[in-house]
C-alpha atoms as a PDB file:
ATOM      1  CA  MET A   1      10.906  33.266   2.356  1.00  0.00           C
ATOM      2  CA  ALA A   2       9.185  33.768  -1.003  1.00  0.00           C
ATOM      3  CA  ASP A   3      12.595  33.798  -2.744  1.00  0.00           C
ATOM      4  CA  LEU A   4      13.543  30.562  -1.022  1.00  0.00           C
ATOM      5  CA  LEU A   5      10.281  28.853  -2.004  1.00  0.00           C
ATOM      6  CA  ALA A   6      10.839  29.973  -5.595  1.00  0.00           C
ATOM      7  CA  ASN A   7      13.766  27.544  -5.722  1.00  0.00           C
ATOM      8  CA  PRO A   8      12.263  24.289  -7.104  1.00  0.00           C
ATOM      9  CA  TRP A   9      14.818  22.092  -5.309  1.00  0.00           C
ATOM     10  CA  LEU A  10      14.135  23.664  -1.920  1.00  0.00           C
ATOM     11  CA  ARG A  11      10.388  23.639  -2.487  1.00  0.00           C
ATOM     12  CA  GLY A  12      10.520  19.966  -3.422  1.00  0.00           C
ATOM     13  CA  LEU A  13      12.591  19.215  -0.318  1.00  0.00           C
ATOM     14  CA  LEU A  14      10.080  20.967   1.935  1.00  0.00           C
ATOM     15  CA  GLN A  15       7.142  19.226   0.256  1.00  0.00           C
ATOM     16  CA  GLY A  16       8.879  15.875   0.648  1.00  0.00           C
ATOM     17  CA  ALA A  17       9.636  16.481   4.319  1.00  0.00           C
ATOM     18  CA  LEU A  18       6.031  17.497   4.973  1.00  0.00           C
ATOM     19  CA  LEU A  19       4.694  14.473   3.092  1.00  0.00           C
ATOM     20  CA  ILE A  20       6.958  12.059   4.984  1.00  0.00           C
ATOM     21  CA  THR A  21       5.990  13.614   8.325  1.00  0.00           C
ATOM     22  CA  VAL A  22       2.272  13.317   7.562  1.00  0.00           C
ATOM     23  CA  MET A  23       2.585   9.740   6.280  1.00  0.00           C
ATOM     24  CA  MET A  24       4.658   8.491   9.223  1.00  0.00           C
ATOM     25  CA  THR A  25       2.311  10.173  11.716  1.00  0.00           C
ATOM     26  CA  ALA A  26      -0.651   8.551   9.986  1.00  0.00           C
ATOM     27  CA  VAL A  27       1.111   5.169  10.093  1.00  0.00           C
ATOM     28  CA  ALA A  28       1.598   5.516  13.850  1.00  0.00           C
ATOM     29  CA  TRP A  29      -2.085   6.088  14.487  1.00  0.00           C
ATOM     30  CA  ILE A  30      -3.391   3.478  12.055  1.00  0.00           C
ATOM     31  CA  SER A  31      -1.143   0.917  13.772  1.00  0.00           C
ATOM     32  CA  TRP A  32      -2.856   1.901  17.042  1.00  0.00           C
ATOM     33  CA  PHE A  33      -6.242   1.611  15.340  1.00  0.00           C
ATOM     34  CA  GLU A  34      -5.485  -1.862  13.998  1.00  0.00           C
ATOM     35  CA  ARG A  35      -4.399  -3.099  17.417  1.00  0.00           C
ATOM     36  CA  LYS A  36      -7.570  -1.732  19.016  1.00  0.00           C
ATOM     37  CA  PHE A  37      -9.677  -3.191  16.186  1.00  0.00           C
ATOM     38  CA  ALA A  38      -8.016  -6.592  16.578  1.00  0.00           C
ATOM     39  CA  GLY A  39      -8.626  -6.447  20.300  1.00  0.00           C
ATOM     40  CA  ARG A  40     -12.292  -5.700  19.721  1.00  0.00           C
ATOM     41  CA  VAL A  41     -12.631  -8.602  17.266  1.00  0.00           C
ATOM     42  CA  GLN A  42     -10.921 -10.970  19.732  1.00  0.00           C
ATOM     43  CA  SER A  43     -12.838  -9.713  22.808  1.00  0.00           C
ATOM     44  CA  ARG A  44      -9.876  -7.998  24.463  1.00  0.00           C
ATOM     45  CA  LEU A  45      -8.886  -4.385  25.119  1.00  0.00           C
ATOM     46  CA  GLY A  46      -5.784  -3.771  22.981  1.00  0.00           C
ATOM     47  CA  PRO A  47      -3.437  -0.907  24.000  1.00  0.00           C
ATOM     48  CA  THR A  48      -4.684   0.837  27.156  1.00  0.00           C
ATOM     49  CA  MET A  49      -1.716   1.798  29.348  1.00  0.00           C
ATOM     50  CA  VAL A  50       0.159   4.591  27.503  1.00  0.00           C
ATOM     51  CA  GLY A  51      -1.981   7.711  27.113  1.00  0.00           C
ATOM     52  CA  PRO A  52      -5.783   7.895  27.008  1.00  0.00           C
ATOM     53  CA  SER A  53      -7.095   4.664  25.438  1.00  0.00           C
ATOM     54  CA  GLY A  54      -3.481   3.779  24.607  1.00  0.00           C
ATOM     55  CA  LEU A  55      -3.155   6.570  22.026  1.00  0.00           C
ATOM     56  CA  LEU A  56       0.522   7.132  22.827  1.00  0.00           C
ATOM     57  CA  GLN A  57       1.425   3.450  22.443  1.00  0.00           C
ATOM     58  CA  PRO A  58       2.950   3.952  18.928  1.00  0.00           C
ATOM     59  CA  LEU A  59       5.286   6.630  20.354  1.00  0.00           C
ATOM     60  CA  ALA A  60       6.284   4.326  23.205  1.00  0.00           C
ATOM     61  CA  ASP A  61       6.949   1.493  20.750  1.00  0.00           C
ATOM     62  CA  ALA A  62       9.127   3.736  18.576  1.00  0.00           C
ATOM     63  CA  LEU A  63      11.199   4.895  21.574  1.00  0.00           C
ATOM     64  CA  LYS A  64      11.600   1.303  22.734  1.00  0.00           C
ATOM     65  CA  MET A  65      12.835   0.142  19.314  1.00  0.00           C
ATOM     66  CA  PHE A  66      15.346   3.011  19.121  1.00  0.00           C
ATOM     67  CA  GLN A  67      16.776   1.946  22.489  1.00  0.00           C
ATOM     68  CA  LYS A  68      17.046  -1.778  21.776  1.00  0.00           C
ATOM     69  CA  GLN A  69      20.290  -3.371  20.663  1.00  0.00           C
ATOM     70  CA  GLU A  70      20.599  -4.139  16.972  1.00  0.00           C
ATOM     71  CA  LEU A  71      21.714  -7.714  16.295  1.00  0.00           C
ATOM     72  CA  ILE A  72      23.120  -8.915  12.969  1.00  0.00           C
ATOM     73  CA  PRO A  73      23.648 -12.651  12.338  1.00  0.00           C
ATOM     74  CA  SER A  74      27.306 -13.591  11.988  1.00  0.00           C
ATOM     75  CA  ALA A  75      26.706 -15.277   8.603  1.00  0.00           C
ATOM     76  CA  ALA A  76      24.541 -12.454   7.210  1.00  0.00           C
ATOM     77  CA  ASP A  77      25.506 -10.151   4.356  1.00  0.00           C
ATOM     78  CA  SER A  78      25.931  -7.066   6.535  1.00  0.00           C
ATOM     79  CA  LEU A  79      25.534  -4.439   3.786  1.00  0.00           C
ATOM     80  CA  LEU A  80      22.335  -5.838   2.258  1.00  0.00           C
ATOM     81  CA  PHE A  81      20.970  -6.746   5.689  1.00  0.00           C
ATOM     82  CA  ARG A  82      21.308  -3.133   6.848  1.00  0.00           C
ATOM     83  CA  LEU A  83      20.129  -1.619   3.565  1.00  0.00           C
ATOM     84  CA  ALA A  84      16.884  -3.595   3.078  1.00  0.00           C
ATOM     85  CA  PRO A  85      14.639  -1.989   5.783  1.00  0.00           C
ATOM     86  CA  PRO A  86      15.261   1.701   4.919  1.00  0.00           C
ATOM     87  CA  LEU A  87      15.034   0.868   1.202  1.00  0.00           C
ATOM     88  CA  ALA A  88      11.641  -0.804   1.762  1.00  0.00           C
ATOM     89  CA  LEU A  89      10.344   2.266   3.593  1.00  0.00           C
ATOM     90  CA  PHE A  90      11.753   4.609   0.926  1.00  0.00           C
ATOM     91  CA  LEU A  91      10.022   2.707  -1.897  1.00  0.00           C
ATOM     92  CA  ALA A  92       6.774   2.561   0.058  1.00  0.00           C
ATOM     93  CA  LEU A  93       6.813   6.330   0.656  1.00  0.00           C
ATOM     94  CA  GLY A  94       7.789   7.126  -2.940  1.00  0.00           C
ATOM     95  CA  GLY A  95       4.335   6.396  -4.316  1.00  0.00           C
ATOM     96  CA  ALA A  96       2.748   9.176  -2.241  1.00  0.00           C
ATOM     97  CA  ALA A  97       4.422  11.907  -4.297  1.00  0.00           C
ATOM     98  CA  VAL A  98       1.867  11.822  -7.129  1.00  0.00           C
ATOM     99  CA  LEU A  99      -1.354  11.209  -5.168  1.00  0.00           C
ATOM    100  CA  PRO A 100      -3.702  14.229  -5.532  1.00  0.00           C
ATOM    101  CA  ILE A 101      -4.837  15.206  -2.030  1.00  0.00           C
ATOM    102  CA  THR A 102      -7.139  18.015  -3.152  1.00  0.00           C
ATOM    103  CA  GLN A 103      -7.653  19.848  -6.426  1.00  0.00           C
ATOM    104  CA  GLY A 104      -4.247  21.206  -7.431  1.00  0.00           C
ATOM    105  CA  MET A 105      -2.600  19.969  -4.214  1.00  0.00           C
ATOM    106  CA  LEU A 106      -0.018  17.251  -4.798  1.00  0.00           C
ATOM    107  CA  ALA A 107       3.737  17.023  -4.563  1.00  0.00           C
ATOM    108  CA  SER A 108       4.285  16.209  -8.255  1.00  0.00           C
ATOM    109  CA  ASP A 109       1.688  16.048 -11.042  1.00  0.00           C
ATOM    110  CA  LEU A 110       3.299  13.524 -13.396  1.00  0.00           C
ATOM    111  CA  ASP A 111       1.728  12.662 -16.738  1.00  0.00           C
ATOM    112  CA  VAL A 112       2.450   8.990 -15.952  1.00  0.00           C
ATOM    113  CA  GLY A 113       1.330   9.059 -12.319  1.00  0.00           C
ATOM    114  CA  VAL A 114      -0.457   5.684 -12.536  1.00  0.00           C
ATOM    115  CA  LEU A 115       2.660   3.934 -13.830  1.00  0.00           C
ATOM    116  CA  TYR A 116       4.771   5.743 -11.221  1.00  0.00           C
ATOM    117  CA  VAL A 117       2.740   4.391  -8.295  1.00  0.00           C
ATOM    118  CA  LEU A 118       2.567   0.884  -9.777  1.00  0.00           C
ATOM    119  CA  ALA A 119       6.329   0.879 -10.380  1.00  0.00           C
ATOM    120  CA  PHE A 120       7.151   1.801  -6.787  1.00  0.00           C
ATOM    121  CA  SER A 121       4.657  -0.794  -5.574  1.00  0.00           C
ATOM    122  CA  GLY A 122       6.299  -3.505  -7.667  1.00  0.00           C
ATOM    123  CA  LEU A 123       9.820  -2.562  -6.573  1.00  0.00           C
ATOM    124  CA  LEU A 124       8.967  -3.393  -2.947  1.00  0.00           C
ATOM    125  CA  ALA A 125       9.685  -7.051  -3.739  1.00  0.00           C
ATOM    126  CA  PHE A 126      13.408  -6.262  -4.045  1.00  0.00           C
ATOM    127  CA  PRO A 127      14.164  -5.063  -0.480  1.00  0.00           C
ATOM    128  CA  ILE A 128      12.009  -7.882   0.943  1.00  0.00           C
ATOM    129  CA  TRP A 129      14.023 -10.391  -1.077  1.00  0.00           C
ATOM    130  CA  MET A 130      17.241  -8.687   0.053  1.00  0.00           C
ATOM    131  CA  ALA A 131      16.124  -8.975   3.677  1.00  0.00           C
ATOM    132  CA  GLY A 132      15.344 -12.673   3.341  1.00  0.00           C
ATOM    133  CA  TRP A 133      18.461 -13.646   1.393  1.00  0.00           C
ATOM    134  CA  SER A 134      20.952 -11.586   3.386  1.00  0.00           C
ATOM    135  CA  SER A 135      19.703 -12.916   6.751  1.00  0.00           C
ATOM    136  CA  SER A 136      21.291 -16.346   6.177  1.00  0.00           C
ATOM    137  CA  ASN A 137      18.179 -17.931   7.654  1.00  0.00           C
ATOM    138  CA  LYS A 138      16.166 -20.595   5.855  1.00  0.00           C
ATOM    139  CA  TYR A 139      12.828 -19.277   7.144  1.00  0.00           C
ATOM    140  CA  ALA A 140      13.664 -15.729   6.066  1.00  0.00           C
ATOM    141  CA  LEU A 141      14.854 -17.033   2.681  1.00  0.00           C
ATOM    142  CA  LEU A 142      11.600 -18.935   2.120  1.00  0.00           C
ATOM    143  CA  GLY A 143       9.630 -15.825   3.054  1.00  0.00           C
ATOM    144  CA  GLY A 144      11.629 -13.736   0.570  1.00  0.00           C
ATOM    145  CA  MET A 145      11.093 -16.307  -2.192  1.00  0.00           C
ATOM    146  CA  ARG A 146       7.370 -16.353  -1.509  1.00  0.00           C
ATOM    147  CA  MET A 147       7.278 -12.565  -1.618  1.00  0.00           C
ATOM    148  CA  VAL A 148       8.975 -12.444  -5.024  1.00  0.00           C
ATOM    149  CA  ALA A 149       6.647 -15.103  -6.470  1.00  0.00           C
ATOM    150  CA  GLN A 150       3.552 -13.414  -5.030  1.00  0.00           C
ATOM    151  CA  GLY A 151       4.632  -9.897  -5.991  1.00  0.00           C
ATOM    152  CA  ILE A 152       5.419 -10.764  -9.609  1.00  0.00           C
ATOM    153  CA  SER A 153       2.217 -12.804 -10.015  1.00  0.00           C
ATOM    154  CA  TYR A 154      -0.278 -10.418  -8.427  1.00  0.00           C
ATOM    155  CA  GLU A 155       1.254  -7.332 -10.011  1.00  0.00           C
ATOM    156  CA  ILE A 156      -0.115  -8.451 -13.401  1.00  0.00           C
ATOM    157  CA  PRO A 157      -3.874  -8.389 -12.610  1.00  0.00           C
ATOM    158  CA  MET A 158      -3.324  -5.286 -10.455  1.00  0.00           C
ATOM    159  CA  VAL A 159      -1.854  -3.390 -13.408  1.00  0.00           C
ATOM    160  CA  LEU A 160      -4.586  -4.634 -15.758  1.00  0.00           C
ATOM    161  CA  ALA A 161      -7.307  -3.512 -13.325  1.00  0.00           C
ATOM    162  CA  ALA A 162      -5.628  -0.120 -12.834  1.00  0.00           C
ATOM    163  CA  LEU A 163      -5.607   0.387 -16.610  1.00  0.00           C
ATOM    164  CA  VAL A 164      -9.425   0.381 -16.752  1.00  0.00           C
ATOM    165  CA  PRO A 165      -9.639   4.011 -15.471  1.00  0.00           C
ATOM    166  CA  VAL A 166      -6.786   4.903 -17.826  1.00  0.00           C
ATOM    167  CA  VAL A 167      -8.699   3.534 -20.833  1.00  0.00           C
ATOM    168  CA  VAL A 168     -11.880   5.352 -19.803  1.00  0.00           C
ATOM    169  CA  THR A 169     -10.241   8.734 -19.157  1.00  0.00           C
ATOM    170  CA  GLY A 170      -7.483   8.527 -21.771  1.00  0.00           C
ATOM    171  CA  SER A 171      -4.861   9.733 -19.297  1.00  0.00           C
ATOM    172  CA  LEU A 172      -2.207   8.281 -16.984  1.00  0.00           C
ATOM    173  CA  SER A 173      -2.273  11.388 -14.789  1.00  0.00           C
ATOM    174  CA  LEU A 174      -3.982  10.822 -11.450  1.00  0.00           C
ATOM    175  CA  SER A 175      -5.176  14.428 -11.268  1.00  0.00           C
ATOM    176  CA  ASP A 176      -6.788  14.065 -14.716  1.00  0.00           C
ATOM    177  CA  ILE A 177      -8.511  10.849 -13.638  1.00  0.00           C
ATOM    178  CA  VAL A 178      -9.976  12.519 -10.536  1.00  0.00           C
ATOM    179  CA  THR A 179     -11.054  15.568 -12.570  1.00  0.00           C
ATOM    180  CA  TYR A 180     -12.805  13.295 -15.073  1.00  0.00           C
ATOM    181  CA  GLN A 181     -14.712  11.570 -12.257  1.00  0.00           C
ATOM    182  CA  ALA A 182     -15.687  14.941 -10.748  1.00  0.00           C
ATOM    183  CA  THR A 183     -17.341  15.958 -14.024  1.00  0.00           C
ATOM    184  CA  HIS A 184     -18.659  12.568 -15.200  1.00  0.00           C
ATOM    185  CA  HIS A 185     -18.951   9.372 -13.131  1.00  0.00           C
ATOM    186  CA  TRP A 186     -16.981   7.641 -10.409  1.00  0.00           C
ATOM    187  CA  LEU A 187     -15.200   4.874 -12.255  1.00  0.00           C
ATOM    188  CA  VAL A 188     -16.353   2.208  -9.813  1.00  0.00           C
ATOM    189  CA  LEU A 189     -19.742   2.694 -11.518  1.00  0.00           C
ATOM    190  CA  TRP A 190     -18.555   3.281 -15.079  1.00  0.00           C
ATOM    191  CA  PRO A 191     -18.440   1.404 -17.391  1.00  0.00           C
ATOM    192  CA  PRO A 192     -21.524  -0.236 -15.842  1.00  0.00           C
ATOM    193  CA  GLY A 193     -20.509  -3.450 -14.080  1.00  0.00           C
ATOM    194  CA  LEU A 194     -16.986  -3.428 -15.498  1.00  0.00           C
ATOM    195  CA  GLY A 195     -15.772  -0.634 -13.222  1.00  0.00           C
ATOM    196  CA  LEU A 196     -17.024  -2.432 -10.110  1.00  0.00           C
ATOM    197  CA  ILE A 197     -15.351  -5.710 -11.084  1.00  0.00           C
ATOM    198  CA  ALA A 198     -12.093  -3.867 -11.854  1.00  0.00           C
ATOM    199  CA  PHE A 199     -12.254  -2.182  -8.441  1.00  0.00           C
ATOM    200  CA  ILE A 200     -12.805  -5.516  -6.665  1.00  0.00           C
ATOM    201  CA  ILE A 201      -9.871  -7.067  -8.530  1.00  0.00           C
ATOM    202  CA  PHE A 202      -7.653  -4.085  -7.737  1.00  0.00           C
ATOM    203  CA  PHE A 203      -8.635  -4.130  -4.068  1.00  0.00           C
ATOM    204  CA  THR A 204      -7.983  -7.883  -3.848  1.00  0.00           C
ATOM    205  CA  MET A 205      -4.563  -7.313  -5.367  1.00  0.00           C
ATOM    206  CA  ALA A 206      -3.967  -4.581  -2.792  1.00  0.00           C
ATOM    207  CA  LEU A 207      -4.416  -7.183  -0.050  1.00  0.00           C
ATOM    208  CA  ALA A 208      -1.870  -9.437  -1.762  1.00  0.00           C
ATOM    209  CA  GLU A 209       0.625  -6.637  -2.422  1.00  0.00           C
ATOM    210  CA  GLY A 210       0.436  -5.520   1.212  1.00  0.00           C
ATOM    211  CA  ASN A 211       0.896  -9.075   2.550  1.00  0.00           C
ATOM    212  CA  ARG A 212      -2.462  -8.897   4.269  1.00  0.00           C
ATOM    213  CA  ILE A 213      -4.499 -11.924   5.309  1.00  0.00           C
ATOM    214  CA  PRO A 214      -5.598 -14.033   3.475  1.00  0.00           C
ATOM    215  CA  PHE A 215      -2.506 -13.339   1.328  1.00  0.00           C
ATOM    216  CA  ASP A 216       0.212 -12.941   3.995  1.00  0.00           C
ATOM    217  CA  ILE A 217       2.118 -16.008   2.756  1.00  0.00           C
ATOM    218  CA  PRO A 218       5.584 -14.310   2.886  1.00  0.00           C
ATOM    219  CA  GLU A 219       5.106 -13.615   6.607  1.00  0.00           C
ATOM    220  CA  ALA A 220       3.123 -16.666   7.697  1.00  0.00           C
ATOM    221  CA  GLU A 221       4.038 -16.614  11.376  1.00  0.00           C
ATOM    222  CA  SER A 222       2.723 -20.150  11.961  1.00  0.00           C
ATOM    223  CA  GLU A 223       5.137 -21.460   9.309  1.00  0.00           C
ATOM    224  CA  LEU A 224       8.042 -19.034   8.893  1.00  0.00           C
ATOM    225  CA  VAL A 225       8.295 -17.271  12.300  1.00  0.00           C
ATOM    226  CA  ALA A 226       8.229 -13.742  10.806  1.00  0.00           C
ATOM    227  CA  GLY A 227       9.221 -14.431   7.206  1.00  0.00           C
ATOM    228  CA  PRO A 228      11.869 -12.081   5.766  1.00  0.00           C
ATOM    229  CA  ALA A 229      11.914 -10.065   9.016  1.00  0.00           C
ATOM    230  CA  THR A 230      12.796 -13.039  11.237  1.00  0.00           C
ATOM    231  CA  GLU A 231      16.369 -11.941  11.998  1.00  0.00           C
ATOM    232  CA  TYR A 232      15.657  -8.217  12.338  1.00  0.00           C
ATOM    233  CA  THR A 233      15.621  -6.456  15.681  1.00  0.00           C
ATOM    234  CA  ALA A 234      15.221  -2.935  17.083  1.00  0.00           C
ATOM    235  CA  ILE A 235      14.441  -0.077  14.706  1.00  0.00           C
ATOM    236  CA  ARG A 236      15.149  -2.049  11.513  1.00  0.00           C
ATOM    237  CA  PHE A 237      12.286  -4.394  12.350  1.00  0.00           C
ATOM    238  CA  GLY A 238      10.157  -1.292  12.925  1.00  0.00           C
ATOM    239  CA  LEU A 239      11.117   0.075   9.500  1.00  0.00           C
ATOM    240  CA  ILE A 240       9.911  -3.102   7.773  1.00  0.00           C
ATOM    241  CA  ALA A 241       6.614  -3.008   9.675  1.00  0.00           C
ATOM    242  CA  SER A 242       6.216   0.701   8.877  1.00  0.00           C
ATOM    243  CA  ALA A 243       6.838   0.028   5.176  1.00  0.00           C
ATOM    244  CA  GLU A 244       3.954  -2.458   5.113  1.00  0.00           C
ATOM    245  CA  TYR A 245       1.601   0.035   6.768  1.00  0.00           C
ATOM    246  CA  VAL A 246       2.697   2.852   4.441  1.00  0.00           C
ATOM    247  CA  HIS A 247       2.206   0.620   1.417  1.00  0.00           C
ATOM    248  CA  SER A 248      -1.301  -0.376   2.529  1.00  0.00           C
ATOM    249  CA  LEU A 249      -2.248   3.247   3.228  1.00  0.00           C
ATOM    250  CA  ILE A 250      -0.964   4.501  -0.138  1.00  0.00           C
ATOM    251  CA  THR A 251      -2.685   1.619  -1.937  1.00  0.00           C
ATOM    252  CA  CYS A 252      -5.999   2.613  -0.308  1.00  0.00           C
ATOM    253  CA  ALA A 253      -5.477   6.231  -1.379  1.00  0.00           C
ATOM    254  CA  PHE A 254      -4.532   5.028  -4.877  1.00  0.00           C
ATOM    255  CA  ALA A 255      -7.685   2.886  -5.141  1.00  0.00           C
ATOM    256  CA  SER A 256      -9.896   5.751  -3.965  1.00  0.00           C
ATOM    257  CA  THR A 257      -8.243   8.023  -6.541  1.00  0.00           C
ATOM    258  CA  LEU A 258      -8.683   5.593  -9.436  1.00  0.00           C
ATOM    259  CA  PHE A 259     -12.206   4.330  -8.743  1.00  0.00           C
ATOM    260  CA  LEU A 260     -13.935   6.369  -6.003  1.00  0.00           C
ATOM    261  CA  GLY A 261     -13.429   9.907  -7.244  1.00  0.00           C
ATOM    262  CA  GLY A 262     -10.491  10.880  -5.018  1.00  0.00           C
ATOM    263  CA  TRP A 263     -11.199  14.247  -3.435  1.00  0.00           C
ATOM    264  CA  ASP A 264     -14.551  14.598  -5.260  1.00  0.00           C
ATOM    265  CA  GLY A 265     -17.728  14.607  -3.169  1.00  0.00           C
ATOM    266  CA  PRO A 266     -20.636  16.812  -2.029  1.00  0.00           C
ATOM    267  CA  PHE A 267     -21.029  19.044   1.030  1.00  0.00           C
ATOM    268  CA  LEU A 268     -17.622  18.404   2.686  1.00  0.00           C
ATOM    269  CA  PRO A 269     -14.247  19.949   1.711  1.00  0.00           C
ATOM    270  CA  PRO A 270     -12.185  17.902  -0.788  1.00  0.00           C
ATOM    271  CA  LEU A 271      -9.576  16.989   1.839  1.00  0.00           C
ATOM    272  CA  CYS A 272     -12.279  15.369   3.974  1.00  0.00           C
ATOM    273  CA  TRP A 273     -13.451  13.181   1.107  1.00  0.00           C
ATOM    274  CA  ILE A 274     -10.034  11.748   0.238  1.00  0.00           C
ATOM    275  CA  LEU A 275      -9.451  11.032   3.938  1.00  0.00           C
ATOM    276  CA  ILE A 276     -12.855   9.383   4.386  1.00  0.00           C
ATOM    277  CA  LYS A 277     -12.403   7.146   1.341  1.00  0.00           C
ATOM    278  CA  THR A 278      -8.824   6.179   2.191  1.00  0.00           C
ATOM    279  CA  VAL A 279      -9.576   5.449   5.839  1.00  0.00           C
ATOM    280  CA  GLY A 280     -12.728   3.561   4.867  1.00  0.00           C
ATOM    281  CA  LEU A 281     -10.772   1.238   2.569  1.00  0.00           C
ATOM    282  CA  PHE A 282      -8.107   0.723   5.239  1.00  0.00           C
ATOM    283  CA  VAL A 283     -10.810  -0.207   7.768  1.00  0.00           C
ATOM    284  CA  LEU A 284     -12.127  -2.745   5.248  1.00  0.00           C
ATOM    285  CA  ILE A 285      -8.611  -4.197   4.830  1.00  0.00           C
ATOM    286  CA  THR A 286      -8.243  -4.439   8.606  1.00  0.00           C
ATOM    287  CA  TRP A 287     -11.665  -6.044   8.962  1.00  0.00           C
ATOM    288  CA  LEU A 288     -10.795  -8.689   6.355  1.00  0.00           C
ATOM    289  CA  ARG A 289      -7.409  -9.329   7.976  1.00  0.00           C
ATOM    290  CA  TRP A 290      -8.939 -10.215  11.322  1.00  0.00           C
ATOM    291  CA  SER A 291     -11.877 -12.132   9.861  1.00  0.00           C
ATOM    292  CA  LEU A 292     -10.451 -14.484   7.208  1.00  0.00           C
ATOM    293  CA  LEU A 293      -8.118 -17.473   7.254  1.00  0.00           C
ATOM    294  CA  ARG A 294      -4.821 -17.673   5.411  1.00  0.00           C
ATOM    295  CA  VAL A 295      -4.825 -19.577   2.107  1.00  0.00           C
ATOM    296  CA  ARG A 296      -2.121 -22.057   1.115  1.00  0.00           C
ATOM    297  CA  SER A 297       0.703 -20.989  -1.177  1.00  0.00           C
ATOM    298  CA  ASP A 298      -0.472 -23.204  -4.051  1.00  0.00           C
ATOM    299  CA  GLN A 299      -4.031 -21.864  -3.686  1.00  0.00           C
ATOM    300  CA  LEU A 300      -2.630 -18.329  -3.756  1.00  0.00           C
ATOM    301  CA  MET A 301      -0.834 -18.851  -7.065  1.00  0.00           C
ATOM    302  CA  ALA A 302      -3.728 -20.788  -8.622  1.00  0.00           C
ATOM    303  CA  LEU A 303      -6.168 -17.996  -7.774  1.00  0.00           C
ATOM    304  CA  CYS A 304      -3.948 -15.483  -9.524  1.00  0.00           C
ATOM    305  CA  TRP A 305      -2.944 -17.306 -12.705  1.00  0.00           C
ATOM    306  CA  LYS A 306      -6.094 -19.386 -13.305  1.00  0.00           C
ATOM    307  CA  TYR A 307      -8.737 -16.812 -12.463  1.00  0.00           C
ATOM    308  CA  LEU A 308      -7.611 -13.231 -11.762  1.00  0.00           C
ATOM    309  CA  VAL A 309      -5.235 -12.763 -14.706  1.00  0.00           C
ATOM    310  CA  PRO A 310      -7.770 -13.929 -17.360  1.00  0.00           C
ATOM    311  CA  LEU A 311     -10.598 -12.044 -15.617  1.00  0.00           C
ATOM    312  CA  SER A 312      -8.680  -8.762 -15.394  1.00  0.00           C
ATOM    313  CA  LEU A 313      -7.538  -9.067 -19.018  1.00  0.00           C
ATOM    314  CA  GLY A 314     -11.111  -9.706 -20.128  1.00  0.00           C
ATOM    315  CA  ILE A 315     -12.399  -6.701 -18.156  1.00  0.00           C
ATOM    316  CA  LEU A 316      -9.761  -4.479 -19.758  1.00  0.00           C
ATOM    317  CA  LEU A 317     -10.673  -5.688 -23.275  1.00  0.00           C
ATOM    318  CA  LEU A 318     -14.397  -5.205 -22.621  1.00  0.00           C
ATOM    319  CA  THR A 319     -13.735  -1.704 -21.316  1.00  0.00           C
ATOM    320  CA  GLY A 320     -11.829  -0.838 -24.474  1.00  0.00           C
ATOM    321  CA  ALA A 321     -14.670  -2.202 -26.616  1.00  0.00           C
ATOM    322  CA  PHE A 322     -17.232  -0.259 -24.561  1.00  0.00           C
ATOM    323  CA  ILE A 323     -15.349   3.027 -25.014  1.00  0.00           C
ATOM    324  CA  GLN A 324     -14.868   2.369 -28.730  1.00  0.00           C
ATOM    325  CA  TRP A 325     -18.500   1.469 -29.500  1.00  0.00           C
ATOM    326  CA  VAL A 326     -20.531   3.286 -26.839  1.00  0.00           C
ATOM    327  CA  GLY A 327     -18.291   6.195 -25.885  1.00  0.00           C
END
C-alpha cells in the first residue's frame, strides 16, 4: 500500500475521489438543510417523510432523478446539451483542490491558489451559456445571456476584493494566507476597516456568482421558468442544481480562508473551525436568499458597475498604500 501511495498519480486520484465524495455528500445534506430552513421561514415543515426529519430526502431525490427519462428537445444541439451539466459540476468541484482544510492538509498547495479558485469560478459561465444556447429555447437563451453578463461583471469586484488579502500577505497561496492570519490578524479586521469592507464586497459577489437571491437573475423562475435549466430533465437537471450548491459551498470556504482565518481558531481542532466558518457563511447565504426580494436586471448591472467596481478598486488601492506606509 505504501508503494502504491508513493505514486503521485495514484495518490492524486485517491485524493480527488475522496474530495469529490466529501463534497457531494455535503451538498446532499446542505440541500436538505436549505429546504428545512425555507420551510421554517415560510411556516411549513419542509421534508419530513423519508427518514427521521426527512434526512434521507436527498438520497430519495437522487434515486428518483436517476430513474426518470431524459428528454432532449428535437431542435437542441445534442452534444452541447449533454455536455453542459457535467462540465458545470466539474468546474464547480475543481476549486476545492487548493482549499486548505487543516494545516498541511489540502489536495494541492499551489503558489497561485487564489487565482486558481477565481479562474474556476469564472469559467462556470461557459457551461451555463452552453446549456441555455443549446436548448433551443428562448427562455433558456435569455437565462444564459443574463448569466454571462452577470458573471463577467461581478467577477471584476470579486477579484479586486480577493486581492486585498494577497496584498497584505504578499502571497497567492491559500495556505500562506491562512498561516499569516494564524500568526498576525484575521484579514477581515486588518487593515482596519478596509478588510471588513473587502469581505462584505467579496461576500456580496459570492451571492451573485452563485445565482442566489437577490442576484438570481439568470434563473428568475417568475420570468424565465428555470432559466438555462428549463429544458433539462432527470439527472442532468440534478447535476446543474448540484453545481450551484457546490459553487456556493466552495465560495463560503474560500471566503473563510481569505478573511476569517481558515482553520485558525482557539480551543477546537482546526478541522472544526473551517467547518464552523464555512457552514456559518452558508447559513447566512441561505438566510438572505429566503429573506430578500430579487432585484431587476438593470439594477443588478448598475450596482456592479456604478458602485462595487469603483469601491473595490479604491479599497485595493488604499490597502496597498496602507501596507506601503504603515506596514
